[in-house]
């Protein structure tokens, strides 16, 4: 397994682990028992994804912890700087922030040559129900309190800015992910990647009834 694929699996594994932790924490802020159950179920799915990625690495002689270590600091820094102040900001972070990351990794995964690894990545990037759950809950609160929409839109914009800083930190630390594009000879793919991510972000914001 080459360095670029190990890095991709490593950053995904740590991303899934932190997603599990954040969903479990967000469940504590949930206003109803039903909401707690929903987030707990999603958190369980994210941890299962982490286990799948860890096993895939281990089965190929790669230490999962070692693969994750280069990405711990930038991802932790992103989460530390974007702590939601309430339940709804947590939902926006899970939907908008995680959605951008998913778009990026899914696009990068198309350049992975190993079919089994690529299939695994597509599987762990599948939506666990967060998208529809977040959209429904955010629309609900905006309908009840329209003034909340402006605050959440500003929060989403901040998340995008912080996410881009995080991506730059990862690229500086480990440029092997970008080498997947360069090695494939598809230099134009980088431009398409960011255009696609920007477009998907606009779509997500529109689905929430918010301005990007």
N, C-alpha and C. Protein backbone atom coordinates (compact mmCIF):
# COMPACT_ATOMS: atom_id res chain seq x y z
N UNK A 1 0.85 -1.20 0.00
CA UNK A 1 0.00 0.00 0.00
C UNK A 1 0.88 1.24 0.00
N UNK A 2 0.67 2.14 -0.98
CA UNK A 2 1.55 3.30 -1.08
C UNK A 2 1.20 4.37 -0.05
N UNK A 3 2.13 5.32 0.10
CA UNK A 3 2.01 6.34 1.14
C UNK A 3 0.76 7.18 1.00
N UNK A 4 0.38 7.52 -0.22
CA UNK A 4 -0.79 8.36 -0.44
C UNK A 4 -2.06 7.69 0.06
N UNK A 5 -2.21 6.40 -0.23
CA UNK A 5 -3.40 5.68 0.20
C UNK A 5 -3.41 5.50 1.71
N UNK A 6 -2.25 5.25 2.30
CA UNK A 6 -2.16 5.13 3.76
C UNK A 6 -2.58 6.44 4.41
N UNK A 7 -2.11 7.56 3.84
CA UNK A 7 -2.49 8.87 4.38
C UNK A 7 -3.99 9.10 4.26
N UNK A 8 -4.55 8.73 3.13
CA UNK A 8 -5.99 8.91 2.92
C UNK A 8 -6.78 8.10 3.93
N UNK A 9 -6.40 6.85 4.12
CA UNK A 9 -7.10 6.01 5.09
C UNK A 9 -6.87 6.50 6.51
N UNK A 10 -5.67 7.01 6.77
CA UNK A 10 -5.37 7.53 8.11
C UNK A 10 -6.20 8.74 8.47
N UNK A 11 -6.30 9.70 7.55
CA UNK A 11 -7.09 10.90 7.84
C UNK A 11 -8.57 10.57 7.92
N UNK A 12 -9.02 9.61 7.11
CA UNK A 12 -10.42 9.18 7.20
C UNK A 12 -10.70 8.50 8.52
N UNK A 13 -9.79 7.63 8.96
CA UNK A 13 -9.99 6.92 10.22
C UNK A 13 -10.09 7.90 11.39
N UNK A 14 -9.19 8.88 11.40
CA UNK A 14 -9.24 9.84 12.51
C UNK A 14 -10.48 10.72 12.41
N UNK A 15 -10.87 11.03 11.19
CA UNK A 15 -12.09 11.81 10.99
C UNK A 15 -13.32 11.07 11.49
N UNK A 16 -13.38 9.75 11.25
CA UNK A 16 -14.50 8.96 11.73
C UNK A 16 -14.49 8.85 13.25
N UNK A 17 -13.29 8.72 13.83
CA UNK A 17 -13.19 8.64 15.29
C UNK A 17 -13.66 9.93 15.94
N UNK A 18 -13.24 11.07 15.40
CA UNK A 18 -13.67 12.35 15.98
C UNK A 18 -15.15 12.61 15.72
N UNK A 19 -15.67 12.11 14.59
CA UNK A 19 -17.10 12.26 14.32
C UNK A 19 -17.91 11.49 15.36
N UNK A 20 -17.44 10.31 15.70
CA UNK A 20 -18.09 9.52 16.76
C UNK A 20 -18.10 10.30 18.07
N UNK A 21 -16.97 10.88 18.43
CA UNK A 21 -16.87 11.61 19.69
C UNK A 21 -17.80 12.83 19.69
N UNK A 22 -17.83 13.56 18.58
CA UNK A 22 -18.64 14.78 18.53
C UNK A 22 -20.14 14.47 18.55
N UNK A 23 -20.55 13.43 17.83
CA UNK A 23 -21.97 13.07 17.83
C UNK A 23 -22.41 12.62 19.22
N UNK A 24 -21.54 11.88 19.89
CA UNK A 24 -21.86 11.43 21.25
C UNK A 24 -21.99 12.63 22.18
N UNK A 25 -21.11 13.63 21.99
CA UNK A 25 -21.19 14.84 22.81
C UNK A 25 -22.43 15.66 22.48
N UNK A 26 -22.73 15.79 21.18
CA UNK A 26 -23.90 16.54 20.75
C UNK A 26 -25.19 15.91 21.29
N UNK A 27 -25.17 14.60 21.46
CA UNK A 27 -26.36 13.92 21.98
C UNK A 27 -26.71 14.42 23.37
N UNK A 28 -25.70 14.88 24.11
CA UNK A 28 -25.95 15.40 25.45
C UNK A 28 -26.71 16.73 25.40
N UNK A 29 -26.58 17.45 24.27
CA UNK A 29 -27.27 18.73 24.11
C UNK A 29 -28.65 18.58 23.48
N UNK A 30 -28.94 17.38 23.00
CA UNK A 30 -30.21 17.15 22.30
C UNK A 30 -31.40 17.46 23.20
N UNK A 31 -32.42 18.15 22.66
CA UNK A 31 -33.57 18.57 23.47
C UNK A 31 -34.56 17.46 23.82
N UNK A 32 -34.57 16.36 23.06
CA UNK A 32 -35.52 15.29 23.35
C UNK A 32 -34.80 13.94 23.37
N UNK A 33 -35.44 12.97 23.97
CA UNK A 33 -34.88 11.62 24.03
C UNK A 33 -34.75 11.05 22.62
N UNK A 34 -35.75 11.32 21.79
CA UNK A 34 -35.71 10.82 20.41
C UNK A 34 -34.49 11.36 19.67
N UNK A 35 -34.16 12.63 19.90
CA UNK A 35 -32.99 13.24 19.27
C UNK A 35 -31.70 12.59 19.80
N UNK A 36 -31.67 12.31 21.09
CA UNK A 36 -30.50 11.65 21.68
C UNK A 36 -30.29 10.28 21.06
N UNK A 37 -31.39 9.55 20.88
CA UNK A 37 -31.30 8.22 20.29
C UNK A 37 -30.79 8.30 18.85
N UNK A 38 -31.31 9.28 18.10
CA UNK A 38 -30.91 9.44 16.70
C UNK A 38 -29.41 9.73 16.59
N UNK A 39 -28.91 10.64 17.41
CA UNK A 39 -27.50 10.98 17.36
C UNK A 39 -26.63 9.84 17.87
N UNK A 40 -27.13 9.13 18.89
CA UNK A 40 -26.39 7.98 19.39
C UNK A 40 -26.24 6.90 18.33
N UNK A 41 -27.28 6.70 17.55
CA UNK A 41 -27.25 5.71 16.46
C UNK A 41 -26.24 6.12 15.40
N UNK A 42 -26.23 7.42 15.06
CA UNK A 42 -25.26 7.92 14.07
C UNK A 42 -23.84 7.78 14.60
N UNK A 43 -23.64 8.09 15.88
CA UNK A 43 -22.31 7.97 16.48
C UNK A 43 -21.81 6.53 16.40
N UNK A 44 -22.70 5.58 16.66
CA UNK A 44 -22.34 4.18 16.58
C UNK A 44 -21.90 3.79 15.17
N UNK A 45 -22.60 4.33 14.17
CA UNK A 45 -22.25 4.05 12.77
C UNK A 45 -20.87 4.61 12.43
N UNK A 46 -20.57 5.80 12.94
CA UNK A 46 -19.26 6.40 12.67
C UNK A 46 -18.14 5.57 13.31
N UNK A 47 -18.39 5.05 14.51
CA UNK A 47 -17.36 4.24 15.15
C UNK A 47 -17.14 2.94 14.39
N UNK A 48 -18.21 2.39 13.84
CA UNK A 48 -18.09 1.19 13.03
C UNK A 48 -17.24 1.47 11.78
N UNK A 49 -17.42 2.64 11.19
CA UNK A 49 -16.61 3.03 10.04
C UNK A 49 -15.13 3.11 10.45
N UNK A 50 -14.88 3.67 11.60
CA UNK A 50 -13.50 3.76 12.11
C UNK A 50 -12.90 2.36 12.25
N UNK A 51 -13.67 1.43 12.78
CA UNK A 51 -13.19 0.06 12.95
C UNK A 51 -12.89 -0.60 11.60
N UNK A 52 -13.73 -0.34 10.61
CA UNK A 52 -13.52 -0.90 9.28
C UNK A 52 -12.21 -0.40 8.67
N UNK A 53 -11.96 0.90 8.80
CA UNK A 53 -10.74 1.48 8.25
C UNK A 53 -9.51 0.96 8.99
N UNK A 54 -9.62 0.87 10.31
CA UNK A 54 -8.50 0.37 11.11
C UNK A 54 -8.15 -1.06 10.73
N UNK A 55 -9.16 -1.89 10.55
CA UNK A 55 -8.93 -3.29 10.19
C UNK A 55 -8.30 -3.39 8.80
N UNK A 56 -8.77 -2.57 7.89
CA UNK A 56 -8.23 -2.58 6.53
C UNK A 56 -6.74 -2.26 6.55
N UNK A 57 -6.35 -1.29 7.36
CA UNK A 57 -4.94 -0.94 7.48
C UNK A 57 -4.15 -2.06 8.15
N UNK A 58 -4.68 -2.56 9.26
CA UNK A 58 -3.98 -3.62 10.00
C UNK A 58 -3.78 -4.86 9.16
N UNK A 59 -4.80 -5.21 8.39
CA UNK A 59 -4.71 -6.41 7.54
C UNK A 59 -3.62 -6.28 6.49
N UNK A 60 -3.18 -5.05 6.22
CA UNK A 60 -2.14 -4.83 5.22
C UNK A 60 -0.82 -4.44 5.86
N UNK A 61 -0.72 -4.73 7.16
CA UNK A 61 0.54 -4.50 7.86
C UNK A 61 0.82 -3.06 8.23
N UNK A 62 -0.21 -2.23 8.24
CA UNK A 62 -0.04 -0.81 8.58
C UNK A 62 -0.65 -0.53 9.96
N UNK A 63 0.10 0.13 10.82
CA UNK A 63 -0.39 0.49 12.15
C UNK A 63 -1.41 1.62 12.02
N UNK A 64 -2.68 1.39 12.39
CA UNK A 64 -3.70 2.43 12.24
C UNK A 64 -3.38 3.71 13.01
N UNK A 65 -2.85 3.57 14.22
CA UNK A 65 -2.53 4.75 15.02
C UNK A 65 -1.44 5.57 14.33
N UNK A 66 -0.43 4.89 13.82
CA UNK A 66 0.63 5.59 13.10
C UNK A 66 0.11 6.29 11.87
N UNK A 67 -0.86 5.68 11.18
CA UNK A 67 -1.44 6.29 9.99
C UNK A 67 -2.26 7.53 10.34
N UNK A 68 -2.86 7.54 11.53
CA UNK A 68 -3.70 8.67 11.94
C UNK A 68 -2.90 9.83 12.51
N UNK A 69 -1.76 9.54 13.12
CA UNK A 69 -1.02 10.54 13.88
C UNK A 69 -0.72 11.85 13.13
N UNK A 70 -0.33 11.80 11.85
CA UNK A 70 -0.01 13.07 11.17
C UNK A 70 -1.20 14.03 11.07
N UNK A 71 -2.41 13.49 11.22
CA UNK A 71 -3.61 14.31 11.01
C UNK A 71 -4.31 14.71 12.31
N UNK A 72 -3.78 14.22 13.42
CA UNK A 72 -4.45 14.51 14.69
C UNK A 72 -4.41 15.99 15.04
N UNK A 73 -3.26 16.61 14.90
CA UNK A 73 -3.14 18.02 15.29
C UNK A 73 -4.00 18.95 14.44
N UNK A 74 -3.93 18.86 13.09
CA UNK A 74 -4.77 19.78 12.30
C UNK A 74 -6.27 19.55 12.49
N UNK A 75 -6.70 18.28 12.61
CA UNK A 75 -8.13 18.02 12.80
C UNK A 75 -8.58 18.43 14.19
N UNK A 76 -7.74 18.19 15.19
CA UNK A 76 -8.09 18.61 16.56
C UNK A 76 -8.16 20.13 16.63
N UNK A 77 -7.23 20.79 15.93
CA UNK A 77 -7.22 22.25 15.93
C UNK A 77 -8.50 22.80 15.32
N UNK A 78 -8.95 22.17 14.23
CA UNK A 78 -10.19 22.60 13.58
C UNK A 78 -11.37 22.45 14.54
N UNK A 79 -11.46 21.33 15.20
CA UNK A 79 -12.60 21.09 16.10
C UNK A 79 -12.52 21.98 17.35
N UNK A 80 -11.31 22.24 17.82
CA UNK A 80 -11.16 23.11 18.99
C UNK A 80 -11.58 24.55 18.66
N UNK A 81 -11.34 24.97 17.42
CA UNK A 81 -11.65 26.35 17.04
C UNK A 81 -13.10 26.51 16.56
N UNK A 82 -13.82 25.40 16.45
CA UNK A 82 -15.22 25.47 15.98
C UNK A 82 -16.14 24.72 16.93
N UNK A 83 -15.99 25.00 18.20
CA UNK A 83 -16.87 24.38 19.19
C UNK A 83 -18.25 25.02 19.09
N UNK A 84 -19.29 24.25 18.81
CA UNK A 84 -20.64 24.83 18.73
C UNK A 84 -21.12 25.31 20.09
N UNK A 85 -21.85 26.41 20.10
CA UNK A 85 -22.33 26.97 21.36
C UNK A 85 -23.69 26.42 21.77
N UNK A 86 -24.35 25.77 20.80
CA UNK A 86 -25.64 25.17 21.13
C UNK A 86 -25.94 24.01 20.20
N UNK A 87 -27.08 23.39 20.40
CA UNK A 87 -27.53 22.22 19.65
C UNK A 87 -27.57 22.47 18.15
N UNK A 88 -28.07 23.64 17.75
CA UNK A 88 -28.26 23.92 16.33
C UNK A 88 -26.93 24.20 15.63
N UNK A 89 -26.01 24.85 16.31
CA UNK A 89 -24.69 25.05 15.72
C UNK A 89 -23.98 23.70 15.55
N UNK A 90 -24.24 22.77 16.46
CA UNK A 90 -23.68 21.43 16.33
C UNK A 90 -24.22 20.73 15.09
N UNK A 91 -25.51 20.90 14.82
CA UNK A 91 -26.11 20.29 13.63
C UNK A 91 -25.53 20.88 12.36
N UNK A 92 -25.34 22.21 12.34
CA UNK A 92 -24.76 22.87 11.18
C UNK A 92 -23.34 22.36 10.94
N UNK A 93 -22.58 22.21 12.01
CA UNK A 93 -21.21 21.73 11.88
C UNK A 93 -21.18 20.32 11.31
N UNK A 94 -22.07 19.46 11.79
CA UNK A 94 -22.10 18.08 11.31
C UNK A 94 -22.51 18.02 9.84
N UNK A 95 -23.43 18.89 9.45
CA UNK A 95 -23.95 18.87 8.08
C UNK A 95 -23.04 19.59 7.10
N UNK A 96 -22.65 20.81 7.44
CA UNK A 96 -21.86 21.63 6.52
C UNK A 96 -20.37 21.26 6.59
N UNK A 97 -19.81 21.25 7.79
CA UNK A 97 -18.39 20.96 7.94
C UNK A 97 -18.03 19.56 7.50
N UNK A 98 -18.74 18.57 8.02
CA UNK A 98 -18.45 17.18 7.64
C UNK A 98 -18.77 16.94 6.17
N UNK A 99 -19.79 17.64 5.66
CA UNK A 99 -20.16 17.48 4.26
C UNK A 99 -19.05 17.91 3.32
N UNK A 100 -18.40 19.02 3.64
CA UNK A 100 -17.28 19.49 2.81
C UNK A 100 -16.13 18.50 2.83
N UNK A 101 -15.83 17.98 4.02
CA UNK A 101 -14.74 17.00 4.14
C UNK A 101 -15.07 15.75 3.33
N UNK A 102 -16.32 15.30 3.43
CA UNK A 102 -16.74 14.11 2.69
C UNK A 102 -16.59 14.31 1.19
N UNK A 103 -16.99 15.47 0.69
CA UNK A 103 -16.86 15.77 -0.73
C UNK A 103 -15.40 15.67 -1.17
N UNK A 104 -14.51 16.22 -0.35
CA UNK A 104 -13.09 16.21 -0.68
C UNK A 104 -12.55 14.78 -0.75
N UNK A 105 -12.82 14.01 0.29
CA UNK A 105 -12.25 12.66 0.35
C UNK A 105 -12.87 11.74 -0.70
N UNK A 106 -14.14 11.94 -0.99
CA UNK A 106 -14.79 11.11 -2.02
C UNK A 106 -14.17 11.38 -3.39
N UNK A 107 -13.86 12.65 -3.63
CA UNK A 107 -13.25 13.02 -4.92
C UNK A 107 -11.85 12.45 -5.01
N UNK A 108 -11.07 12.55 -3.93
CA UNK A 108 -9.71 12.00 -3.91
C UNK A 108 -9.74 10.49 -4.11
N UNK A 109 -10.74 9.84 -3.51
CA UNK A 109 -10.82 8.37 -3.58
C UNK A 109 -10.98 7.85 -5.00
N UNK A 110 -11.48 8.67 -5.90
CA UNK A 110 -11.66 8.20 -7.28
C UNK A 110 -10.32 7.90 -7.95
N UNK A 111 -9.23 8.43 -7.37
CA UNK A 111 -7.91 8.20 -7.94
C UNK A 111 -7.20 7.01 -7.30
N UNK A 112 -7.83 6.36 -6.32
CA UNK A 112 -7.26 5.17 -5.70
C UNK A 112 -7.45 3.99 -6.65
N UNK A 113 -6.37 3.32 -6.98
CA UNK A 113 -6.43 2.26 -8.00
C UNK A 113 -6.97 0.94 -7.46
N UNK A 114 -6.73 0.65 -6.19
CA UNK A 114 -7.17 -0.61 -5.61
C UNK A 114 -8.69 -0.61 -5.42
N UNK A 115 -9.39 -1.51 -6.10
CA UNK A 115 -10.86 -1.53 -6.06
C UNK A 115 -11.40 -1.77 -4.65
N UNK A 116 -10.77 -2.66 -3.91
CA UNK A 116 -11.26 -2.98 -2.56
C UNK A 116 -11.14 -1.78 -1.64
N UNK A 117 -10.02 -1.09 -1.71
CA UNK A 117 -9.81 0.09 -0.87
C UNK A 117 -10.77 1.21 -1.27
N UNK A 118 -10.93 1.41 -2.57
CA UNK A 118 -11.84 2.46 -3.04
C UNK A 118 -13.27 2.17 -2.61
N UNK A 119 -13.68 0.91 -2.67
CA UNK A 119 -15.02 0.51 -2.26
C UNK A 119 -15.22 0.75 -0.76
N UNK A 120 -14.19 0.46 0.03
CA UNK A 120 -14.27 0.69 1.47
C UNK A 120 -14.45 2.17 1.76
N UNK A 121 -13.67 3.01 1.09
CA UNK A 121 -13.75 4.45 1.31
C UNK A 121 -15.15 4.97 0.98
N UNK A 122 -15.69 4.52 -0.14
CA UNK A 122 -17.04 4.95 -0.53
C UNK A 122 -18.06 4.51 0.52
N UNK A 123 -17.83 3.34 1.10
CA UNK A 123 -18.75 2.82 2.12
C UNK A 123 -18.73 3.66 3.39
N UNK A 124 -17.52 4.01 3.87
CA UNK A 124 -17.43 4.76 5.13
C UNK A 124 -17.83 6.22 4.94
N UNK A 125 -17.83 6.70 3.70
CA UNK A 125 -18.25 8.08 3.45
C UNK A 125 -19.75 8.20 3.22
N UNK A 126 -20.44 7.07 3.22
CA UNK A 126 -21.89 7.09 3.02
C UNK A 126 -22.58 7.82 4.18
N UNK A 127 -23.62 8.53 3.87
CA UNK A 127 -24.36 9.29 4.88
C UNK A 127 -25.01 8.34 5.89
N UNK A 128 -24.81 8.62 7.17
CA UNK A 128 -25.38 7.78 8.23
C UNK A 128 -26.74 8.30 8.70
N UNK A 129 -27.26 9.29 7.99
CA UNK A 129 -28.54 9.87 8.38
C UNK A 129 -28.41 11.28 8.90
N UNK A 130 -27.17 11.77 9.00
CA UNK A 130 -26.94 13.11 9.53
C UNK A 130 -27.57 14.19 8.67
N UNK A 131 -27.46 14.03 7.35
CA UNK A 131 -27.92 15.09 6.44
C UNK A 131 -29.40 15.37 6.60
N UNK A 132 -30.23 14.36 6.43
CA UNK A 132 -31.68 14.57 6.51
C UNK A 132 -32.09 14.99 7.92
N UNK A 133 -31.43 14.45 8.92
CA UNK A 133 -31.74 14.81 10.31
C UNK A 133 -31.44 16.28 10.57
N UNK A 134 -30.24 16.72 10.16
CA UNK A 134 -29.84 18.11 10.38
C UNK A 134 -30.74 19.08 9.63
N UNK A 135 -31.04 18.76 8.38
CA UNK A 135 -31.88 19.65 7.56
C UNK A 135 -33.26 19.81 8.20
N UNK A 136 -33.85 18.71 8.63
CA UNK A 136 -35.18 18.77 9.23
C UNK A 136 -35.18 19.60 10.50
N UNK A 137 -34.19 19.39 11.36
CA UNK A 137 -34.15 20.09 12.64
C UNK A 137 -33.86 21.58 12.48
N UNK A 138 -32.93 21.92 11.56
CA UNK A 138 -32.59 23.33 11.35
C UNK A 138 -33.76 24.07 10.72
N UNK A 139 -34.42 23.46 9.74
CA UNK A 139 -35.59 24.09 9.14
C UNK A 139 -36.69 24.32 10.17
N UNK A 140 -36.80 23.38 11.07
CA UNK A 140 -37.82 23.46 12.12
C UNK A 140 -37.60 24.68 13.01
N UNK A 141 -36.35 24.88 13.46
CA UNK A 141 -36.07 26.00 14.36
C UNK A 141 -36.17 27.33 13.62
N UNK A 142 -35.76 27.37 12.34
CA UNK A 142 -35.84 28.62 11.57
C UNK A 142 -37.30 29.01 11.34
N UNK A 143 -38.16 28.01 11.13
CA UNK A 143 -39.58 28.29 10.95
C UNK A 143 -40.17 28.87 12.23
N UNK A 144 -39.69 28.39 13.37
CA UNK A 144 -40.20 28.87 14.66
C UNK A 144 -39.59 30.21 15.04
N UNK A 145 -38.29 30.37 14.75
CA UNK A 145 -37.57 31.59 15.10
C UNK A 145 -36.73 32.04 13.90
N UNK A 146 -37.32 32.76 12.96
CA UNK A 146 -36.62 33.18 11.73
C UNK A 146 -35.30 33.91 11.99
N UNK A 147 -35.20 34.63 13.10
CA UNK A 147 -33.98 35.38 13.38
C UNK A 147 -32.77 34.48 13.58
N UNK A 148 -33.00 33.23 13.92
CA UNK A 148 -31.90 32.28 14.15
C UNK A 148 -31.15 31.99 12.85
N UNK A 149 -31.86 32.12 11.72
CA UNK A 149 -31.26 31.81 10.42
C UNK A 149 -30.00 32.61 10.14
N UNK A 150 -30.01 33.89 10.45
CA UNK A 150 -28.85 34.73 10.20
C UNK A 150 -27.64 34.27 11.00
N UNK A 151 -27.87 33.96 12.26
CA UNK A 151 -26.76 33.50 13.11
C UNK A 151 -26.18 32.19 12.58
N UNK A 152 -27.04 31.27 12.18
CA UNK A 152 -26.56 29.98 11.69
C UNK A 152 -25.84 30.11 10.35
N UNK A 153 -26.29 31.06 9.52
CA UNK A 153 -25.62 31.28 8.24
C UNK A 153 -24.20 31.81 8.47
N UNK A 154 -24.04 32.72 9.42
CA UNK A 154 -22.73 33.24 9.77
C UNK A 154 -21.83 32.13 10.32
N UNK A 155 -22.41 31.28 11.13
CA UNK A 155 -21.68 30.15 11.71
C UNK A 155 -21.19 29.21 10.59
N UNK A 156 -22.04 28.96 9.63
CA UNK A 156 -21.67 28.08 8.51
C UNK A 156 -20.52 28.69 7.72
N UNK A 157 -20.54 30.00 7.51
CA UNK A 157 -19.45 30.65 6.77
C UNK A 157 -18.14 30.54 7.54
N UNK A 158 -18.23 30.67 8.85
CA UNK A 158 -17.02 30.52 9.67
C UNK A 158 -16.48 29.09 9.55
N UNK A 159 -17.36 28.13 9.55
CA UNK A 159 -16.94 26.73 9.42
C UNK A 159 -16.19 26.50 8.11
N UNK A 160 -16.70 27.10 7.04
CA UNK A 160 -16.05 26.95 5.73
C UNK A 160 -14.64 27.52 5.78
N UNK A 161 -14.50 28.71 6.35
CA UNK A 161 -13.18 29.34 6.46
C UNK A 161 -12.21 28.49 7.26
N UNK A 162 -12.68 27.98 8.39
CA UNK A 162 -11.83 27.15 9.24
C UNK A 162 -11.49 25.83 8.55
N UNK A 163 -12.45 25.29 7.80
CA UNK A 163 -12.22 24.03 7.10
C UNK A 163 -11.13 24.20 6.03
N UNK A 164 -11.13 25.33 5.35
CA UNK A 164 -10.11 25.59 4.33
C UNK A 164 -8.72 25.73 4.96
N UNK A 165 -8.68 26.36 6.14
CA UNK A 165 -7.41 26.47 6.86
C UNK A 165 -6.91 25.08 7.25
N UNK A 166 -7.83 24.25 7.71
CA UNK A 166 -7.49 22.88 8.09
C UNK A 166 -6.93 22.12 6.89
N UNK A 167 -7.59 22.27 5.73
CA UNK A 167 -7.15 21.57 4.52
C UNK A 167 -5.74 22.00 4.14
N UNK A 168 -5.44 23.29 4.29
CA UNK A 168 -4.10 23.78 3.97
C UNK A 168 -3.07 23.19 4.92
N UNK A 169 -3.43 23.08 6.20
CA UNK A 169 -2.51 22.50 7.18
C UNK A 169 -2.21 21.05 6.84
N UNK A 170 -3.24 20.32 6.45
CA UNK A 170 -3.05 18.92 6.09
C UNK A 170 -2.16 18.81 4.86
N UNK A 171 -2.38 19.69 3.89
CA UNK A 171 -1.60 19.66 2.66
C UNK A 171 -0.13 19.97 2.93
N UNK A 172 0.12 20.91 3.83
CA UNK A 172 1.49 21.25 4.19
C UNK A 172 2.17 20.09 4.91
N UNK A 173 1.42 19.47 5.79
CA UNK A 173 1.96 18.36 6.58
C UNK A 173 2.19 17.11 5.73
N UNK A 174 1.23 16.81 4.89
CA UNK A 174 1.30 15.59 4.07
C UNK A 174 0.80 15.91 2.66
N UNK A 175 1.71 16.12 1.75
CA UNK A 175 1.30 16.48 0.39
C UNK A 175 1.00 15.26 -0.47
N UNK A 176 1.04 14.07 0.13
CA UNK A 176 0.83 12.84 -0.65
C UNK A 176 -0.58 12.75 -1.22
N UNK A 177 -1.57 13.34 -0.53
CA UNK A 177 -2.94 13.27 -1.03
C UNK A 177 -3.06 13.99 -2.37
N UNK A 178 -2.41 15.14 -2.47
CA UNK A 178 -2.46 15.86 -3.75
C UNK A 178 -1.69 15.10 -4.83
N UNK A 179 -0.73 14.29 -4.42
CA UNK A 179 0.04 13.52 -5.39
C UNK A 179 -0.82 12.48 -6.10
N UNK A 180 -1.95 12.13 -5.49
CA UNK A 180 -2.88 11.22 -6.18
C UNK A 180 -3.36 11.85 -7.48
N UNK A 181 -3.61 13.17 -7.44
CA UNK A 181 -4.02 13.88 -8.64
C UNK A 181 -2.84 14.00 -9.61
N UNK A 182 -1.71 14.45 -9.08
CA UNK A 182 -0.54 14.69 -9.91
C UNK A 182 -0.06 13.39 -10.55
N UNK A 183 -0.02 12.33 -9.75
CA UNK A 183 0.44 11.04 -10.25
C UNK A 183 -0.46 10.49 -11.33
N UNK A 184 -1.74 10.85 -11.28
CA UNK A 184 -2.68 10.36 -12.29
C UNK A 184 -2.59 11.18 -13.58
N UNK A 185 -1.86 12.31 -13.49
CA UNK A 185 -1.74 13.17 -14.67
C UNK A 185 -2.93 14.10 -14.84
N UNK A 186 -3.86 14.05 -13.88
CA UNK A 186 -5.07 14.86 -14.00
C UNK A 186 -4.94 16.14 -13.18
N UNK A 187 -4.07 17.04 -13.63
CA UNK A 187 -3.86 18.28 -12.89
C UNK A 187 -5.12 19.14 -12.87
N UNK A 188 -5.92 19.04 -13.91
CA UNK A 188 -7.17 19.81 -13.96
C UNK A 188 -8.15 19.31 -12.92
N UNK A 189 -7.90 18.11 -12.42
CA UNK A 189 -8.79 17.54 -11.42
C UNK A 189 -8.82 18.35 -10.15
N UNK A 190 -7.71 19.03 -9.82
CA UNK A 190 -7.67 19.85 -8.61
C UNK A 190 -8.65 21.01 -8.73
N UNK A 191 -8.68 21.64 -9.90
CA UNK A 191 -9.61 22.74 -10.13
C UNK A 191 -11.06 22.24 -10.06
N UNK A 192 -11.31 21.10 -10.68
CA UNK A 192 -12.66 20.53 -10.65
C UNK A 192 -13.06 20.18 -9.22
N UNK A 193 -12.09 19.69 -8.45
CA UNK A 193 -12.36 19.30 -7.07
C UNK A 193 -12.92 20.47 -6.27
N UNK A 194 -12.21 21.59 -6.28
CA UNK A 194 -12.65 22.73 -5.46
C UNK A 194 -13.91 23.37 -6.01
N UNK A 195 -14.09 23.31 -7.31
CA UNK A 195 -15.32 23.81 -7.90
C UNK A 195 -16.50 22.96 -7.45
N UNK A 196 -16.30 21.66 -7.41
CA UNK A 196 -17.35 20.74 -6.98
C UNK A 196 -17.68 20.95 -5.51
N UNK A 197 -16.66 21.09 -4.68
CA UNK A 197 -16.88 21.28 -3.24
C UNK A 197 -17.65 22.57 -2.99
N UNK A 198 -17.26 23.63 -3.69
CA UNK A 198 -17.95 24.91 -3.53
C UNK A 198 -19.42 24.81 -3.95
N UNK A 199 -19.65 24.12 -5.05
CA UNK A 199 -21.02 23.95 -5.53
C UNK A 199 -21.87 23.14 -4.57
N UNK A 200 -21.29 22.08 -4.02
CA UNK A 200 -22.04 21.24 -3.08
C UNK A 200 -22.34 22.00 -1.79
N UNK A 201 -21.41 22.87 -1.36
CA UNK A 201 -21.66 23.67 -0.16
C UNK A 201 -22.85 24.60 -0.39
N UNK A 202 -22.89 25.23 -1.55
CA UNK A 202 -24.01 26.12 -1.87
C UNK A 202 -25.33 25.36 -1.85
N UNK A 203 -25.31 24.14 -2.37
CA UNK A 203 -26.52 23.31 -2.38
C UNK A 203 -26.96 22.96 -0.96
N UNK A 204 -26.01 22.65 -0.09
CA UNK A 204 -26.35 22.31 1.29
C UNK A 204 -26.98 23.50 2.01
N UNK A 205 -26.39 24.65 1.81
CA UNK A 205 -26.93 25.84 2.46
C UNK A 205 -28.34 26.13 1.95
N UNK A 206 -28.56 25.94 0.65
CA UNK A 206 -29.89 26.17 0.08
C UNK A 206 -30.91 25.19 0.66
N UNK A 207 -30.48 23.96 0.90
CA UNK A 207 -31.39 22.96 1.45
C UNK A 207 -31.81 23.32 2.87
N UNK A 208 -30.97 24.13 3.55
CA UNK A 208 -31.30 24.59 4.89
C UNK A 208 -32.11 25.88 4.86
N UNK A 209 -32.20 26.47 3.68
CA UNK A 209 -32.88 27.75 3.57
C UNK A 209 -31.99 28.91 4.00
N UNK A 210 -30.66 28.70 3.89
CA UNK A 210 -29.70 29.72 4.30
C UNK A 210 -28.86 30.17 3.12
N UNK A 211 -28.34 31.39 3.22
CA UNK A 211 -27.46 31.93 2.18
C UNK A 211 -26.04 31.43 2.39
N UNK A 212 -25.39 30.97 1.32
CA UNK A 212 -24.01 30.50 1.42
C UNK A 212 -23.06 31.66 1.61
